[in-house]
C-alpha atoms as a PDB file:
ATOM      1  CA  MET A   1      35.433  29.245  77.196  1.00  0.00           C
ATOM      2  CA  ALA A   2      34.832  31.119  80.886  1.00  0.00           C
ATOM      3  CA  LYS A   3      37.300  30.874  83.221  1.00  0.00           C
ATOM      4  CA  PHE A   4      36.852  30.795  87.208  1.00  0.00           C
ATOM      5  CA  VAL A   5      39.309  32.368  89.239  1.00  0.00           C
ATOM      6  CA  LEU A   6      39.242  31.355  92.906  1.00  0.00           C
ATOM      7  CA  LEU A   7      40.850  34.030  95.527  1.00  0.00           C
ATOM      8  CA  ASP A   8      41.895  33.708  98.674  1.00  0.00           C
ATOM      9  CA  PRO A   9      39.258  35.858 100.792  1.00  0.00           C
ATOM     10  CA  VAL A  10      41.280  35.779 104.399  1.00  0.00           C
ATOM     11  CA  ALA A  11      44.131  38.953 104.076  1.00  0.00           C
ATOM     12  CA  GLU A  12      47.077  39.679 106.107  1.00  0.00           C
ATOM     13  CA  ILE A  13      46.464  42.131 108.998  1.00  0.00           C
ATOM     14  CA  LYS A  14      48.227  45.222 108.861  1.00  0.00           C
ATOM     15  CA  VAL A  15      49.553  46.323 112.170  1.00  0.00           C
ATOM     16  CA  GLU A  16      50.411  49.669 112.541  1.00  0.00           C
ATOM     17  CA  ASP A  17      52.753  51.106 115.138  1.00  0.00           C
ATOM     18  CA  THR A  18      51.095  53.883 116.879  1.00  0.00           C
ATOM     19  CA  GLY A  19      53.662  53.958 119.594  1.00  0.00           C
ATOM     20  CA  PRO A  20      52.793  53.130 123.332  1.00  0.00           C
ATOM     21  CA  GLN A  21      49.328  52.814 124.315  1.00  0.00           C
ATOM     22  CA  LYS A  22      47.800  54.399 126.835  1.00  0.00           C
ATOM     23  CA  ALA A  23      45.796  52.256 129.360  1.00  0.00           C
ATOM     24  CA  VAL A  24      42.155  52.767 129.627  1.00  0.00           C
ATOM     25  CA  ALA A  25      40.524  52.456 133.467  1.00  0.00           C
ATOM     26  CA  PRO A  26      37.497  50.146 133.516  1.00  0.00           C
ATOM     27  CA  LEU A  27      34.320  51.958 134.081  1.00  0.00           C
ATOM     28  CA  ASP A  28      32.693  51.327 137.200  1.00  0.00           C
ATOM     29  CA  THR A  29      29.218  52.387 135.977  1.00  0.00           C
ATOM     30  CA  LEU A  30      27.812  53.953 132.871  1.00  0.00           C
ATOM     31  CA  GLU A  31      25.251  56.205 134.755  1.00  0.00           C
ATOM     32  CA  GLY A  32      25.815  59.821 133.506  1.00  0.00           C
ATOM     33  CA  LYS A  33      28.600  58.678 131.307  1.00  0.00           C
ATOM     34  CA  SER A  34      28.789  59.383 127.570  1.00  0.00           C
ATOM     35  CA  ILE A  35      28.033  56.494 125.377  1.00  0.00           C
ATOM     36  CA  GLY A  36      28.753  56.256 121.520  1.00  0.00           C
ATOM     37  CA  PHE A  37      27.594  53.768 119.199  1.00  0.00           C
ATOM     38  CA  LEU A  38      29.334  53.375 115.847  1.00  0.00           C
ATOM     39  CA  PHE A  39      27.244  51.893 113.057  1.00  0.00           C
ATOM     40  CA  ASP A  40      27.747  50.842 109.590  1.00  0.00           C
ATOM     41  CA  GLY A  41      24.112  52.072 108.741  1.00  0.00           C
ATOM     42  CA  HIS A  42      23.181  48.280 107.279  1.00  0.00           C
ATOM     43  CA  TYR A  43      19.319  48.449 106.612  1.00  0.00           C
ATOM     44  CA  SER A  44      18.955  44.838 107.961  1.00  0.00           C
ATOM     45  CA  ALA A  45      20.117  46.284 111.690  1.00  0.00           C
ATOM     46  CA  VAL A  46      18.651  49.741 111.690  1.00  0.00           C
ATOM     47  CA  ASP A  47      15.852  48.704 114.004  1.00  0.00           C
ATOM     48  CA  TYR A  48      18.114  46.882 116.268  1.00  0.00           C
ATOM     49  CA  TRP A  49      20.612  49.572 116.821  1.00  0.00           C
ATOM     50  CA  ASP A  50      17.678  51.824 117.216  1.00  0.00           C
ATOM     51  CA  ALA A  51      16.208  49.291 120.146  1.00  0.00           C
ATOM     52  CA  LEU A  52      19.613  49.083 121.385  1.00  0.00           C
ATOM     53  CA  GLN A  53      20.359  52.518 121.955  1.00  0.00           C
ATOM     54  CA  GLY A  54      16.360  53.007 124.014  1.00  0.00           C
ATOM     55  CA  LYS A  55      17.762  49.828 126.163  1.00  0.00           C
ATOM     56  CA  VAL A  56      21.168  50.965 127.064  1.00  0.00           C
ATOM     57  CA  LYS A  57      19.552  54.862 127.691  1.00  0.00           C
ATOM     58  CA  GLY A  58      16.801  52.999 129.902  1.00  0.00           C
ATOM     59  CA  ARG A  59      18.658  50.747 131.612  1.00  0.00           C
ATOM     60  CA  PHE A  60      22.121  52.611 132.295  1.00  0.00           C
ATOM     61  CA  ARG A  61      20.588  56.238 132.272  1.00  0.00           C
ATOM     62  CA  PRO A  62      23.880  57.651 130.354  1.00  0.00           C
ATOM     63  CA  ALA A  63      24.284  61.492 130.711  1.00  0.00           C
ATOM     64  CA  ARG A  64      24.510  61.570 126.446  1.00  0.00           C
ATOM     65  CA  ILE A  65      24.402  59.135 123.515  1.00  0.00           C
ATOM     66  CA  VAL A  66      26.514  59.920 120.470  1.00  0.00           C
ATOM     67  CA  ALA A  67      25.332  58.114 117.371  1.00  0.00           C
ATOM     68  CA  HIS A  68      27.463  57.869 114.214  1.00  0.00           C
ATOM     69  CA  VAL A  69      26.425  56.066 111.186  1.00  0.00           C
ATOM     70  CA  LYS A  70      29.183  55.340 108.215  1.00  0.00           C
ATOM     71  CA  PRO A  71      28.180  56.826 104.987  1.00  0.00           C
ATOM     72  CA  ASN A  72      29.291  53.635 103.323  1.00  0.00           C
ATOM     73  CA  VAL A  73      28.077  50.352 104.711  1.00  0.00           C
ATOM     74  CA  GLY A  74      31.136  48.428 102.521  1.00  0.00           C
ATOM     75  CA  ALA A  75      33.821  50.521 103.775  1.00  0.00           C
ATOM     76  CA  PRO A  76      35.501  50.472 107.106  1.00  0.00           C
ATOM     77  CA  ALA A  77      34.657  54.032 109.315  1.00  0.00           C
ATOM     78  CA  THR A  78      37.367  56.308 108.651  1.00  0.00           C
ATOM     79  CA  LYS A  79      40.170  57.288 111.240  1.00  0.00           C
ATOM     80  CA  GLU A  80      38.780  60.556 111.740  1.00  0.00           C
ATOM     81  CA  MET A  81      35.005  59.271 112.220  1.00  0.00           C
ATOM     82  CA  VAL A  82      36.613  56.950 114.818  1.00  0.00           C
ATOM     83  CA  GLU A  83      38.531  59.749 116.553  1.00  0.00           C
ATOM     84  CA  ALA A  84      34.963  61.931 116.360  1.00  0.00           C
ATOM     85  CA  VAL A  85      33.233  59.276 118.278  1.00  0.00           C
ATOM     86  CA  ALA A  86      36.324  58.469 120.624  1.00  0.00           C
ATOM     87  CA  SER A  87      36.818  61.836 121.704  1.00  0.00           C
ATOM     88  CA  GLN A  88      33.117  62.666 122.690  1.00  0.00           C
ATOM     89  CA  VAL A  89      32.513  59.846 124.773  1.00  0.00           C
ATOM     90  CA  ASP A  90      33.559  57.790 127.600  1.00  0.00           C
ATOM     91  CA  MET A  91      32.640  54.053 126.098  1.00  0.00           C
ATOM     92  CA  ALA A  92      31.916  52.809 122.806  1.00  0.00           C
ATOM     93  CA  ILE A  93      29.620  50.255 121.364  1.00  0.00           C
ATOM     94  CA  VAL A  94      30.566  49.394 117.437  1.00  0.00           C
ATOM     95  CA  GLY A  95      28.556  47.301 115.141  1.00  0.00           C
ATOM     96  CA  VAL A  96      29.931  44.433 113.604  1.00  0.00           C
ATOM     97  CA  GLY A  97      30.618  46.146 110.132  1.00  0.00           C
ATOM     98  CA  ALA A  98      31.724  49.426 111.308  1.00  0.00           C
END
């Protein structure tokens, strides 16, 4: 006879103490700034992210857009990828699955 096992999908959130946090001053404008996009690469949102980047570029006139796509849709972005994006931009837009 087959057996079904029901697992609780809600996990405990692990909070790491990374020491004192540095406050980030809000940007008064995005014009001339560097904007980053961190995207999970899911096929259903590729056109959306392309359009979003185009709209941001046209409306806010950033100096540079840096776009990174995770290599694995199902896994979170690595610490190294997040740090790579953060070190190159003034602000970032992160996709839901990133």
